[in-house]
């Protein structure tokens, strides 16, 4: 989860290519599904512990946290998917500091606009 946060920050700030954003979106969906499966595994574990007459307070809390994490990651993946074109159309600075061409710099890269199908 920590690598997903760090990688996502790097992708959203520096490498805003369609491949990088798609990879990040896939990683977020995979993490969401993993937490959703962990939620169901914890529910099964709770049933086993109840059958043995043991306490399940910690397991209930863990299953709740897994469900909340799955829902949050799923909502973020849906938001990222719906605003993917806006993320890819942003201006990305080429150098460390963006300079204009009048200042002797190279300017910034702007994604090409969709002009329709090529005939």
Foldseek 3Di string as FASTA:
>chain_A
DVCLVVLVVCCLQAVLDPVSLVVSLVVLLVLLVVLVVVLVVLVVVLVVCVVVVHDCPVSVVSSVVSNVSSVVSVVVSVVCVVCSVVSNQDWHAPDPDADDVVVVDDHTDGDDDDPDDDD
